[in-house]
N, C-alpha and C. Protein backbone atom coordinates (compact mmCIF):
# COMPACT_ATOMS: atom_id res chain seq x y z
N GLN A 1 19.69 -9.03 3.15
CA GLN A 1 20.20 -8.90 4.50
C GLN A 1 19.15 -9.46 5.47
N ASP A 2 19.56 -10.34 6.36
CA ASP A 2 18.68 -10.90 7.37
C ASP A 2 18.51 -9.89 8.50
N ILE A 3 17.27 -9.47 8.73
CA ILE A 3 17.00 -8.46 9.76
C ILE A 3 16.29 -9.05 10.97
N THR A 4 16.20 -10.35 11.04
CA THR A 4 15.45 -11.03 12.10
C THR A 4 15.85 -10.57 13.49
N ASN A 5 17.14 -10.46 13.75
CA ASN A 5 17.61 -10.14 15.10
C ASN A 5 17.90 -8.66 15.31
N LEU A 6 17.58 -7.82 14.33
CA LEU A 6 17.78 -6.39 14.50
C LEU A 6 16.63 -5.79 15.30
N ASP A 7 16.92 -4.74 16.06
CA ASP A 7 15.86 -4.00 16.74
C ASP A 7 14.95 -3.39 15.68
N PRO A 8 13.65 -3.26 15.96
CA PRO A 8 12.71 -2.75 14.95
C PRO A 8 13.14 -1.41 14.34
N GLU A 9 13.66 -0.51 15.15
CA GLU A 9 14.04 0.81 14.63
C GLU A 9 15.26 0.78 13.72
N LYS A 10 15.95 -0.36 13.66
CA LYS A 10 17.13 -0.50 12.80
C LYS A 10 16.84 -1.30 11.52
N ARG A 11 15.61 -1.70 11.32
CA ARG A 11 15.27 -2.57 10.19
C ARG A 11 15.02 -1.83 8.88
N GLU A 12 14.89 -0.54 8.92
CA GLU A 12 14.65 0.28 7.72
C GLU A 12 13.40 -0.16 6.96
N ILE A 13 12.35 -0.41 7.74
CA ILE A 13 11.05 -0.77 7.17
C ILE A 13 10.03 0.24 7.68
N GLY A 14 9.27 0.81 6.75
CA GLY A 14 8.16 1.68 7.12
C GLY A 14 6.88 0.88 7.02
N ILE A 15 5.95 1.16 7.92
CA ILE A 15 4.69 0.41 7.89
C ILE A 15 3.51 1.34 8.12
N VAL A 16 2.45 1.10 7.35
CA VAL A 16 1.18 1.80 7.54
C VAL A 16 0.14 0.73 7.80
N PHE A 17 -0.45 0.78 8.99
CA PHE A 17 -1.45 -0.20 9.38
C PHE A 17 -2.82 0.18 8.84
N GLN A 18 -3.69 -0.80 8.76
CA GLN A 18 -5.07 -0.58 8.31
C GLN A 18 -5.76 0.47 9.19
N SER A 19 -5.47 0.45 10.48
CA SER A 19 -6.10 1.38 11.42
C SER A 19 -5.33 2.69 11.53
N TYR A 20 -4.22 2.82 10.81
CA TYR A 20 -3.30 3.96 10.79
C TYR A 20 -2.45 4.07 12.05
N ALA A 21 -2.98 3.67 13.23
CA ALA A 21 -2.22 3.66 14.49
C ALA A 21 -1.54 4.99 14.76
N LEU A 22 -2.28 6.08 14.59
CA LEU A 22 -1.75 7.41 14.88
C LEU A 22 -1.92 7.72 16.37
N PHE A 23 -1.10 8.62 16.87
CA PHE A 23 -1.18 9.02 18.27
C PHE A 23 -2.22 10.14 18.39
N PRO A 24 -3.36 9.88 19.03
CA PRO A 24 -4.46 10.85 19.04
C PRO A 24 -4.18 12.13 19.81
N THR A 25 -3.24 12.10 20.75
CA THR A 25 -2.96 13.29 21.55
C THR A 25 -1.85 14.16 20.96
N MET A 26 -1.29 13.73 19.84
CA MET A 26 -0.21 14.49 19.20
C MET A 26 -0.74 15.23 17.97
N THR A 27 -0.02 16.27 17.60
CA THR A 27 -0.34 16.98 16.36
C THR A 27 0.10 16.14 15.17
N VAL A 28 -0.32 16.57 14.00
CA VAL A 28 0.10 15.90 12.77
C VAL A 28 1.62 15.94 12.67
N PHE A 29 2.22 17.11 12.94
CA PHE A 29 3.68 17.24 12.88
C PHE A 29 4.34 16.22 13.79
N ASP A 30 3.88 16.15 15.04
CA ASP A 30 4.51 15.24 16.01
C ASP A 30 4.31 13.77 15.64
N ASN A 31 3.17 13.43 15.04
CA ASN A 31 2.97 12.06 14.56
C ASN A 31 3.98 11.72 13.48
N ILE A 32 4.15 12.62 12.52
CA ILE A 32 5.09 12.36 11.43
C ILE A 32 6.52 12.30 11.95
N ALA A 33 6.84 13.17 12.91
CA ALA A 33 8.21 13.28 13.43
C ALA A 33 8.57 12.18 14.43
N PHE A 34 7.61 11.41 14.88
CA PHE A 34 7.83 10.47 15.98
C PHE A 34 9.04 9.56 15.77
N GLY A 35 9.11 8.90 14.64
CA GLY A 35 10.22 7.97 14.38
C GLY A 35 11.57 8.66 14.35
N LEU A 36 11.59 9.88 13.83
CA LEU A 36 12.84 10.64 13.80
C LEU A 36 13.29 11.01 15.21
N LYS A 37 12.31 11.34 16.07
CA LYS A 37 12.65 11.67 17.46
C LYS A 37 13.19 10.44 18.19
N VAL A 38 12.59 9.29 17.93
CA VAL A 38 13.07 8.03 18.54
C VAL A 38 14.51 7.77 18.12
N LYS A 39 14.84 8.11 16.88
CA LYS A 39 16.21 7.92 16.38
C LYS A 39 17.15 9.05 16.80
N LYS A 40 16.62 9.99 17.59
CA LYS A 40 17.40 11.10 18.13
C LYS A 40 18.00 12.00 17.04
N VAL A 41 17.21 12.25 16.00
CA VAL A 41 17.60 13.17 14.94
C VAL A 41 17.45 14.59 15.48
N SER A 42 18.30 15.49 15.05
CA SER A 42 18.27 16.87 15.56
C SER A 42 16.95 17.55 15.18
N PRO A 43 16.47 18.47 16.04
CA PRO A 43 15.21 19.17 15.77
C PRO A 43 15.18 19.90 14.42
N GLU A 44 16.31 20.45 14.00
CA GLU A 44 16.36 21.17 12.72
C GLU A 44 16.12 20.21 11.55
N ILE A 45 16.77 19.06 11.60
CA ILE A 45 16.61 18.07 10.53
C ILE A 45 15.19 17.50 10.56
N ILE A 46 14.67 17.25 11.76
CA ILE A 46 13.29 16.76 11.89
C ILE A 46 12.33 17.72 11.20
N LYS A 47 12.46 18.99 11.52
CA LYS A 47 11.56 20.00 10.94
C LYS A 47 11.65 19.99 9.42
N ALA A 48 12.87 19.97 8.90
CA ALA A 48 13.06 19.98 7.44
C ALA A 48 12.48 18.73 6.80
N LYS A 49 12.73 17.56 7.38
CA LYS A 49 12.25 16.30 6.80
C LYS A 49 10.72 16.21 6.86
N VAL A 50 10.13 16.64 7.98
CA VAL A 50 8.67 16.59 8.11
C VAL A 50 8.02 17.50 7.07
N HIS A 51 8.55 18.71 6.91
CA HIS A 51 7.97 19.63 5.92
C HIS A 51 8.17 19.11 4.49
N GLU A 52 9.30 18.49 4.23
CA GLU A 52 9.56 17.95 2.89
C GLU A 52 8.58 16.82 2.54
N ILE A 53 8.40 15.88 3.45
CA ILE A 53 7.49 14.76 3.15
C ILE A 53 6.03 15.23 3.15
N ALA A 54 5.70 16.18 4.02
CA ALA A 54 4.33 16.71 4.05
C ALA A 54 3.98 17.34 2.70
N LYS A 55 4.93 18.06 2.14
CA LYS A 55 4.70 18.70 0.84
C LYS A 55 4.47 17.64 -0.24
N LYS A 56 5.27 16.58 -0.24
CA LYS A 56 5.13 15.51 -1.24
C LYS A 56 3.78 14.81 -1.14
N ILE A 57 3.23 14.75 0.06
CA ILE A 57 1.99 14.01 0.29
C ILE A 57 0.77 14.94 0.38
N ASN A 58 0.99 16.22 0.08
CA ASN A 58 -0.10 17.21 0.09
C ASN A 58 -0.70 17.41 1.48
N ILE A 59 0.15 17.51 2.47
CA ILE A 59 -0.27 17.91 3.82
C ILE A 59 0.19 19.35 3.98
N SER A 60 -0.76 20.26 4.21
CA SER A 60 -0.42 21.68 4.29
C SER A 60 0.23 22.02 5.63
N ASP A 61 0.90 23.19 5.67
CA ASP A 61 1.51 23.66 6.92
C ASP A 61 0.44 23.82 8.00
N GLU A 62 -0.74 24.28 7.59
CA GLU A 62 -1.85 24.44 8.55
C GLU A 62 -2.24 23.09 9.16
N GLN A 63 -2.30 22.06 8.33
CA GLN A 63 -2.66 20.73 8.83
C GLN A 63 -1.61 20.17 9.77
N LEU A 64 -0.35 20.54 9.59
CA LEU A 64 0.71 20.03 10.47
C LEU A 64 0.48 20.41 11.93
N ASN A 65 -0.24 21.52 12.16
CA ASN A 65 -0.50 21.98 13.53
C ASN A 65 -1.79 21.42 14.12
N ARG A 66 -2.56 20.69 13.33
CA ARG A 66 -3.84 20.14 13.82
C ARG A 66 -3.63 18.88 14.64
N ASN A 67 -4.64 18.59 15.46
CA ASN A 67 -4.67 17.31 16.17
C ASN A 67 -5.25 16.26 15.23
N ILE A 68 -4.88 15.03 15.46
CA ILE A 68 -5.34 13.92 14.61
C ILE A 68 -6.87 13.83 14.58
N SER A 69 -7.51 14.11 15.71
CA SER A 69 -8.97 14.00 15.79
C SER A 69 -9.69 14.99 14.87
N GLU A 70 -9.00 16.01 14.42
CA GLU A 70 -9.59 17.03 13.54
C GLU A 70 -9.51 16.65 12.06
N LEU A 71 -8.89 15.52 11.75
CA LEU A 71 -8.66 15.14 10.36
C LEU A 71 -9.68 14.14 9.85
N SER A 72 -9.92 14.20 8.55
CA SER A 72 -10.77 13.19 7.90
C SER A 72 -9.98 11.89 7.77
N GLY A 73 -10.66 10.83 7.36
CA GLY A 73 -9.99 9.54 7.17
C GLY A 73 -8.89 9.62 6.13
N GLY A 74 -9.14 10.33 5.04
CA GLY A 74 -8.12 10.48 4.00
C GLY A 74 -6.91 11.24 4.48
N GLN A 75 -7.14 12.28 5.29
CA GLN A 75 -6.02 13.05 5.85
C GLN A 75 -5.23 12.21 6.84
N GLN A 76 -5.93 11.41 7.65
CA GLN A 76 -5.23 10.54 8.59
C GLN A 76 -4.38 9.51 7.85
N GLN A 77 -4.90 9.02 6.74
CA GLN A 77 -4.14 8.05 5.94
C GLN A 77 -2.86 8.69 5.42
N ARG A 78 -2.93 9.94 5.00
CA ARG A 78 -1.75 10.66 4.53
C ARG A 78 -0.72 10.83 5.65
N VAL A 79 -1.20 11.13 6.85
CA VAL A 79 -0.30 11.30 7.99
C VAL A 79 0.42 9.98 8.29
N ALA A 80 -0.32 8.89 8.29
CA ALA A 80 0.29 7.58 8.55
C ALA A 80 1.33 7.26 7.49
N LEU A 81 1.03 7.57 6.25
CA LEU A 81 1.97 7.34 5.16
C LEU A 81 3.21 8.23 5.31
N ALA A 82 2.99 9.50 5.65
CA ALA A 82 4.12 10.42 5.85
C ALA A 82 5.00 9.95 7.00
N ARG A 83 4.39 9.47 8.07
CA ARG A 83 5.16 8.98 9.23
C ARG A 83 6.06 7.81 8.82
N ALA A 84 5.57 6.95 7.94
CA ALA A 84 6.38 5.82 7.48
C ALA A 84 7.47 6.28 6.51
N LEU A 85 7.13 7.20 5.61
CA LEU A 85 8.07 7.62 4.57
C LEU A 85 9.16 8.57 5.05
N VAL A 86 8.89 9.34 6.10
CA VAL A 86 9.87 10.32 6.58
C VAL A 86 11.16 9.65 7.03
N LEU A 87 11.08 8.38 7.39
CA LEU A 87 12.26 7.64 7.83
C LEU A 87 13.10 7.11 6.67
N GLU A 88 12.63 7.35 5.44
CA GLU A 88 13.31 6.89 4.23
C GLU A 88 13.62 5.39 4.28
N PRO A 89 12.57 4.58 4.45
CA PRO A 89 12.79 3.13 4.57
C PRO A 89 13.21 2.50 3.25
N LYS A 90 13.85 1.35 3.35
CA LYS A 90 14.19 0.59 2.15
C LYS A 90 12.97 -0.17 1.64
N ILE A 91 12.09 -0.55 2.57
CA ILE A 91 10.86 -1.27 2.24
C ILE A 91 9.69 -0.59 2.93
N LEU A 92 8.60 -0.42 2.21
CA LEU A 92 7.39 0.16 2.76
C LEU A 92 6.31 -0.91 2.77
N CYS A 93 5.75 -1.20 3.93
CA CYS A 93 4.67 -2.20 4.07
C CYS A 93 3.36 -1.46 4.30
N LEU A 94 2.40 -1.72 3.46
CA LEU A 94 1.08 -1.09 3.57
C LEU A 94 0.05 -2.18 3.80
N ASP A 95 -0.57 -2.16 4.97
CA ASP A 95 -1.56 -3.18 5.34
C ASP A 95 -2.96 -2.62 5.15
N GLU A 96 -3.55 -2.90 4.00
CA GLU A 96 -4.90 -2.43 3.67
C GLU A 96 -5.07 -0.95 3.99
N PRO A 97 -4.19 -0.08 3.50
CA PRO A 97 -4.22 1.32 3.91
C PRO A 97 -5.43 2.10 3.43
N LEU A 98 -6.13 1.61 2.43
CA LEU A 98 -7.26 2.35 1.88
C LEU A 98 -8.61 1.75 2.24
N SER A 99 -8.62 0.67 2.97
CA SER A 99 -9.87 -0.07 3.20
C SER A 99 -10.89 0.70 4.04
N ASN A 100 -10.47 1.67 4.83
CA ASN A 100 -11.41 2.42 5.67
C ASN A 100 -11.95 3.67 4.98
N LEU A 101 -11.62 3.85 3.72
CA LEU A 101 -12.02 5.07 3.01
C LEU A 101 -13.14 4.77 2.03
N ASP A 102 -13.89 5.83 1.66
CA ASP A 102 -14.97 5.63 0.69
C ASP A 102 -14.37 5.39 -0.69
N ALA A 103 -15.19 4.85 -1.59
CA ALA A 103 -14.72 4.38 -2.90
C ALA A 103 -14.05 5.49 -3.71
N LYS A 104 -14.63 6.68 -3.73
CA LYS A 104 -14.08 7.78 -4.52
C LYS A 104 -12.70 8.18 -4.01
N LEU A 105 -12.56 8.28 -2.70
CA LEU A 105 -11.28 8.66 -2.10
C LEU A 105 -10.24 7.56 -2.30
N ARG A 106 -10.69 6.30 -2.25
CA ARG A 106 -9.76 5.17 -2.49
C ARG A 106 -9.13 5.27 -3.87
N VAL A 107 -9.94 5.57 -4.88
CA VAL A 107 -9.42 5.68 -6.25
C VAL A 107 -8.41 6.81 -6.34
N SER A 108 -8.73 7.95 -5.75
CA SER A 108 -7.84 9.10 -5.78
C SER A 108 -6.51 8.80 -5.08
N LEU A 109 -6.58 8.21 -3.89
CA LEU A 109 -5.36 7.92 -3.14
C LEU A 109 -4.57 6.77 -3.75
N ARG A 110 -5.25 5.88 -4.44
CA ARG A 110 -4.56 4.80 -5.14
C ARG A 110 -3.59 5.38 -6.18
N LYS A 111 -4.07 6.37 -6.93
CA LYS A 111 -3.22 7.03 -7.92
C LYS A 111 -2.06 7.73 -7.24
N GLU A 112 -2.34 8.37 -6.12
CA GLU A 112 -1.29 9.08 -5.41
C GLU A 112 -0.24 8.12 -4.84
N LEU A 113 -0.68 6.99 -4.32
CA LEU A 113 0.27 5.99 -3.82
C LEU A 113 1.19 5.49 -4.94
N LYS A 114 0.62 5.24 -6.09
CA LYS A 114 1.41 4.76 -7.24
C LYS A 114 2.44 5.82 -7.63
N ARG A 115 2.02 7.09 -7.66
CA ARG A 115 2.93 8.19 -8.00
C ARG A 115 4.07 8.28 -6.98
N LEU A 116 3.73 8.25 -5.70
CA LEU A 116 4.74 8.35 -4.64
C LEU A 116 5.72 7.19 -4.68
N GLN A 117 5.19 6.00 -4.88
CA GLN A 117 6.05 4.82 -4.91
C GLN A 117 7.08 4.94 -6.03
N LYS A 118 6.63 5.37 -7.19
CA LYS A 118 7.55 5.53 -8.32
C LYS A 118 8.53 6.68 -8.08
N GLU A 119 8.01 7.81 -7.59
CA GLU A 119 8.84 8.99 -7.34
C GLU A 119 9.94 8.71 -6.31
N LEU A 120 9.58 8.00 -5.24
CA LEU A 120 10.54 7.74 -4.17
C LEU A 120 11.36 6.48 -4.40
N GLY A 121 10.90 5.62 -5.30
CA GLY A 121 11.65 4.41 -5.63
C GLY A 121 11.76 3.42 -4.49
N ILE A 122 10.72 3.33 -3.68
CA ILE A 122 10.73 2.44 -2.53
C ILE A 122 10.04 1.13 -2.88
N THR A 123 10.70 0.02 -2.58
CA THR A 123 10.05 -1.28 -2.71
C THR A 123 8.87 -1.30 -1.75
N THR A 124 7.69 -1.64 -2.27
CA THR A 124 6.48 -1.56 -1.46
C THR A 124 5.76 -2.90 -1.45
N LEU A 125 5.43 -3.35 -0.26
CA LEU A 125 4.63 -4.55 -0.07
C LEU A 125 3.24 -4.08 0.33
N TYR A 126 2.26 -4.35 -0.52
CA TYR A 126 0.91 -3.82 -0.34
C TYR A 126 -0.04 -4.98 -0.10
N VAL A 127 -0.59 -5.06 1.10
CA VAL A 127 -1.53 -6.13 1.44
C VAL A 127 -2.95 -5.62 1.21
N THR A 128 -3.71 -6.37 0.42
CA THR A 128 -5.09 -5.97 0.15
C THR A 128 -5.94 -7.19 -0.19
N HIS A 129 -7.24 -7.05 0.07
CA HIS A 129 -8.22 -8.04 -0.38
C HIS A 129 -8.99 -7.49 -1.57
N ASP A 130 -8.64 -6.28 -2.00
CA ASP A 130 -9.31 -5.62 -3.10
C ASP A 130 -8.57 -5.94 -4.40
N GLN A 131 -9.21 -6.73 -5.25
CA GLN A 131 -8.58 -7.18 -6.48
C GLN A 131 -8.21 -6.01 -7.39
N GLU A 132 -9.09 -5.02 -7.46
CA GLU A 132 -8.81 -3.87 -8.31
C GLU A 132 -7.56 -3.12 -7.84
N GLU A 133 -7.42 -2.95 -6.53
CA GLU A 133 -6.21 -2.32 -5.99
C GLU A 133 -4.98 -3.13 -6.37
N ALA A 134 -5.06 -4.43 -6.19
CA ALA A 134 -3.91 -5.28 -6.49
C ALA A 134 -3.52 -5.18 -7.96
N LEU A 135 -4.51 -5.22 -8.84
CA LEU A 135 -4.24 -5.20 -10.28
C LEU A 135 -3.73 -3.85 -10.76
N THR A 136 -4.20 -2.75 -10.15
CA THR A 136 -3.80 -1.43 -10.63
C THR A 136 -2.52 -0.90 -9.98
N LEU A 137 -2.22 -1.32 -8.77
CA LEU A 137 -1.06 -0.77 -8.06
C LEU A 137 0.21 -1.61 -8.21
N SER A 138 0.07 -2.84 -8.57
CA SER A 138 1.20 -3.77 -8.46
C SER A 138 1.99 -3.95 -9.75
N ASP A 139 3.29 -4.17 -9.56
CA ASP A 139 4.14 -4.65 -10.64
C ASP A 139 4.13 -6.18 -10.63
N ARG A 140 4.05 -6.73 -9.41
CA ARG A 140 3.94 -8.19 -9.22
C ARG A 140 2.95 -8.43 -8.09
N ILE A 141 2.23 -9.54 -8.21
CA ILE A 141 1.21 -9.90 -7.22
C ILE A 141 1.50 -11.30 -6.71
N ALA A 142 1.33 -11.48 -5.41
CA ALA A 142 1.34 -12.83 -4.81
C ALA A 142 -0.05 -13.05 -4.25
N VAL A 143 -0.73 -14.07 -4.74
CA VAL A 143 -2.07 -14.41 -4.24
C VAL A 143 -1.90 -15.51 -3.20
N PHE A 144 -2.39 -15.23 -1.99
CA PHE A 144 -2.29 -16.18 -0.88
C PHE A 144 -3.63 -16.85 -0.65
N ASN A 145 -3.58 -18.11 -0.21
CA ASN A 145 -4.76 -18.87 0.17
C ASN A 145 -4.43 -19.62 1.45
N ASN A 146 -5.06 -19.24 2.55
CA ASN A 146 -4.80 -19.86 3.85
C ASN A 146 -3.32 -19.89 4.21
N GLY A 147 -2.63 -18.77 3.96
CA GLY A 147 -1.23 -18.65 4.35
C GLY A 147 -0.23 -19.22 3.36
N PHE A 148 -0.70 -19.78 2.26
CA PHE A 148 0.19 -20.34 1.26
C PHE A 148 0.06 -19.56 -0.05
N ILE A 149 1.17 -19.43 -0.76
CA ILE A 149 1.16 -18.71 -2.04
C ILE A 149 0.56 -19.62 -3.11
N GLU A 150 -0.48 -19.13 -3.76
CA GLU A 150 -1.12 -19.85 -4.87
C GLU A 150 -0.45 -19.51 -6.20
N GLN A 151 -0.10 -18.22 -6.37
CA GLN A 151 0.51 -17.80 -7.63
C GLN A 151 1.21 -16.46 -7.43
N VAL A 152 2.33 -16.29 -8.11
CA VAL A 152 3.05 -15.02 -8.15
C VAL A 152 3.22 -14.65 -9.61
N GLY A 153 2.94 -13.40 -9.94
CA GLY A 153 3.12 -12.98 -11.33
C GLY A 153 2.76 -11.52 -11.51
N THR A 154 2.84 -11.08 -12.74
CA THR A 154 2.43 -9.71 -13.07
C THR A 154 0.91 -9.64 -12.99
N PRO A 155 0.35 -8.44 -12.88
CA PRO A 155 -1.11 -8.34 -12.91
C PRO A 155 -1.71 -9.00 -14.16
N TYR A 156 -1.03 -8.83 -15.30
CA TYR A 156 -1.51 -9.45 -16.54
C TYR A 156 -1.56 -10.97 -16.40
N ASP A 157 -0.47 -11.55 -15.89
CA ASP A 157 -0.41 -13.01 -15.74
C ASP A 157 -1.47 -13.51 -14.76
N ILE A 158 -1.60 -12.83 -13.64
CA ILE A 158 -2.58 -13.25 -12.63
C ILE A 158 -3.98 -13.21 -13.21
N TYR A 159 -4.29 -12.17 -13.95
CA TYR A 159 -5.64 -12.01 -14.49
C TYR A 159 -5.90 -12.93 -15.68
N ASN A 160 -4.95 -13.00 -16.59
CA ASN A 160 -5.18 -13.73 -17.84
C ASN A 160 -4.72 -15.17 -17.84
N GLN A 161 -3.84 -15.53 -16.91
CA GLN A 161 -3.31 -16.89 -16.88
C GLN A 161 -3.31 -17.43 -15.45
N SER A 162 -4.47 -17.40 -14.83
CA SER A 162 -4.59 -17.92 -13.46
C SER A 162 -4.18 -19.38 -13.44
N GLU A 163 -3.31 -19.73 -12.50
CA GLU A 163 -2.77 -21.09 -12.44
C GLU A 163 -3.65 -22.05 -11.64
N THR A 164 -4.50 -21.52 -10.78
CA THR A 164 -5.36 -22.40 -9.98
C THR A 164 -6.79 -21.87 -10.00
N GLN A 165 -7.71 -22.73 -9.64
CA GLN A 165 -9.11 -22.34 -9.56
C GLN A 165 -9.30 -21.24 -8.52
N PHE A 166 -8.56 -21.33 -7.40
CA PHE A 166 -8.67 -20.31 -6.36
C PHE A 166 -8.30 -18.93 -6.90
N VAL A 167 -7.18 -18.84 -7.60
CA VAL A 167 -6.73 -17.55 -8.15
C VAL A 167 -7.77 -17.02 -9.13
N CYS A 168 -8.26 -17.89 -9.98
CA CYS A 168 -9.27 -17.50 -10.95
C CYS A 168 -10.52 -16.96 -10.26
N ASP A 169 -11.00 -17.67 -9.25
CA ASP A 169 -12.18 -17.23 -8.51
C ASP A 169 -11.92 -15.94 -7.74
N PHE A 170 -10.72 -15.82 -7.18
CA PHE A 170 -10.38 -14.64 -6.38
C PHE A 170 -10.32 -13.39 -7.25
N ILE A 171 -9.70 -13.49 -8.40
CA ILE A 171 -9.55 -12.34 -9.28
C ILE A 171 -10.88 -11.99 -9.93
N GLY A 172 -11.69 -12.96 -10.23
CA GLY A 172 -13.00 -12.69 -10.80
C GLY A 172 -13.35 -13.68 -11.88
N SER A 173 -14.63 -13.88 -12.08
CA SER A 173 -15.09 -14.91 -13.01
C SER A 173 -15.02 -14.47 -14.47
N ILE A 174 -14.71 -13.22 -14.73
CA ILE A 174 -14.70 -12.75 -16.11
C ILE A 174 -13.65 -13.46 -16.97
N ASN A 175 -12.59 -13.98 -16.32
CA ASN A 175 -11.53 -14.63 -17.09
C ASN A 175 -11.65 -16.15 -17.09
N LYS A 176 -12.83 -16.65 -16.76
CA LYS A 176 -13.03 -18.09 -16.65
C LYS A 176 -13.96 -18.58 -17.76
N ILE A 177 -13.53 -19.62 -18.44
CA ILE A 177 -14.36 -20.27 -19.46
C ILE A 177 -14.54 -21.71 -19.02
N SER A 178 -15.79 -22.16 -18.98
CA SER A 178 -16.02 -23.54 -18.54
C SER A 178 -15.44 -24.52 -19.55
N GLN A 179 -15.10 -25.71 -19.09
CA GLN A 179 -14.52 -26.73 -19.98
C GLN A 179 -15.48 -27.11 -21.09
N GLU A 180 -16.78 -27.11 -20.77
CA GLU A 180 -17.77 -27.47 -21.79
C GLU A 180 -17.74 -26.47 -22.95
N VAL A 181 -17.70 -25.18 -22.60
CA VAL A 181 -17.66 -24.14 -23.63
C VAL A 181 -16.35 -24.22 -24.40
N LEU A 182 -15.26 -24.43 -23.69
CA LEU A 182 -13.94 -24.52 -24.32
C LEU A 182 -13.90 -25.67 -25.32
N LYS A 183 -14.41 -26.84 -24.93
CA LYS A 183 -14.42 -28.00 -25.84
C LYS A 183 -15.28 -27.71 -27.07
N LYS A 184 -16.40 -27.06 -26.85
CA LYS A 184 -17.29 -26.74 -27.97
C LYS A 184 -16.60 -25.78 -28.94
N LEU A 185 -15.95 -24.75 -28.39
CA LEU A 185 -15.25 -23.77 -29.23
C LEU A 185 -14.09 -24.42 -29.98
N GLN A 186 -13.34 -25.25 -29.31
CA GLN A 186 -12.21 -25.92 -29.96
C GLN A 186 -12.70 -26.88 -31.04
N GLY A 187 -13.80 -27.54 -30.78
CA GLY A 187 -14.36 -28.48 -31.75
C GLY A 187 -14.85 -27.79 -33.00
N GLU A 188 -15.26 -26.55 -32.87
CA GLU A 188 -15.76 -25.80 -34.03
C GLU A 188 -14.66 -24.94 -34.66
N ASN A 189 -13.41 -25.11 -34.21
CA ASN A 189 -12.27 -24.35 -34.72
C ASN A 189 -12.48 -22.84 -34.64
N LYS A 190 -13.12 -22.39 -33.58
CA LYS A 190 -13.33 -20.96 -33.38
C LYS A 190 -12.16 -20.40 -32.60
N TYR A 191 -11.87 -19.14 -32.86
CA TYR A 191 -10.82 -18.45 -32.12
C TYR A 191 -11.46 -17.71 -30.95
N PHE A 192 -10.74 -17.70 -29.86
CA PHE A 192 -11.28 -17.00 -28.69
C PHE A 192 -10.15 -16.34 -27.94
C-alpha cells in the first residue's frame, strides 16, 4: 500500500529515534499514551493499552508515574519503544535505538528487542552502524554505501558471501582472504 500521501498518524508506522525524542515534561504513562490521545482513543482503552505494553516491556506501574528525567538511558529507551508499540503499527522503524547505551545494556536490550519483535510479529526496520547488532537481530540485512544498496541477504550470506569489497570491509576482515593466499591454497589443493 502506498502511504506517501497519508497523514503521518494514519500510516501505521511506529518509530523510535536514536535520541528517543521523549517529552521531558510528561510522565512515562503520558509519553506512552501520547499517540493514542492524538488518535482520540477513550481514556479507558488508553489506560489498558499502556499497562499492557508496559508489562511486555518490563516497565513497572511505579515507573509509569515517573518523569522522564528520573529514568536511566535504558529505561528511556523502553519508554520510546513502548510509545511506538502501543499504537500496534504494521511496521516498526528503529533508528540506532541502542547506540546511546553502554555495551552491557546494549546486549541485554538486543535480546529483548528480538524477543518482542518475534512475540508481536511486527515487521521491523532496524538502522544501525553496529555490525554485531545487524548480524544478531536481523533476518535480512541491507548494507548501504553512500545511499545505495551494496548487498541484501541473510546475516549468513552477508558475512560469508560478501558481494563487494565494501560489504566485506564493513562486516569485518575476518571473512576476507587475499587473492595471493587463495591462489596459493588452490595451487596446493588444500581445502579451506
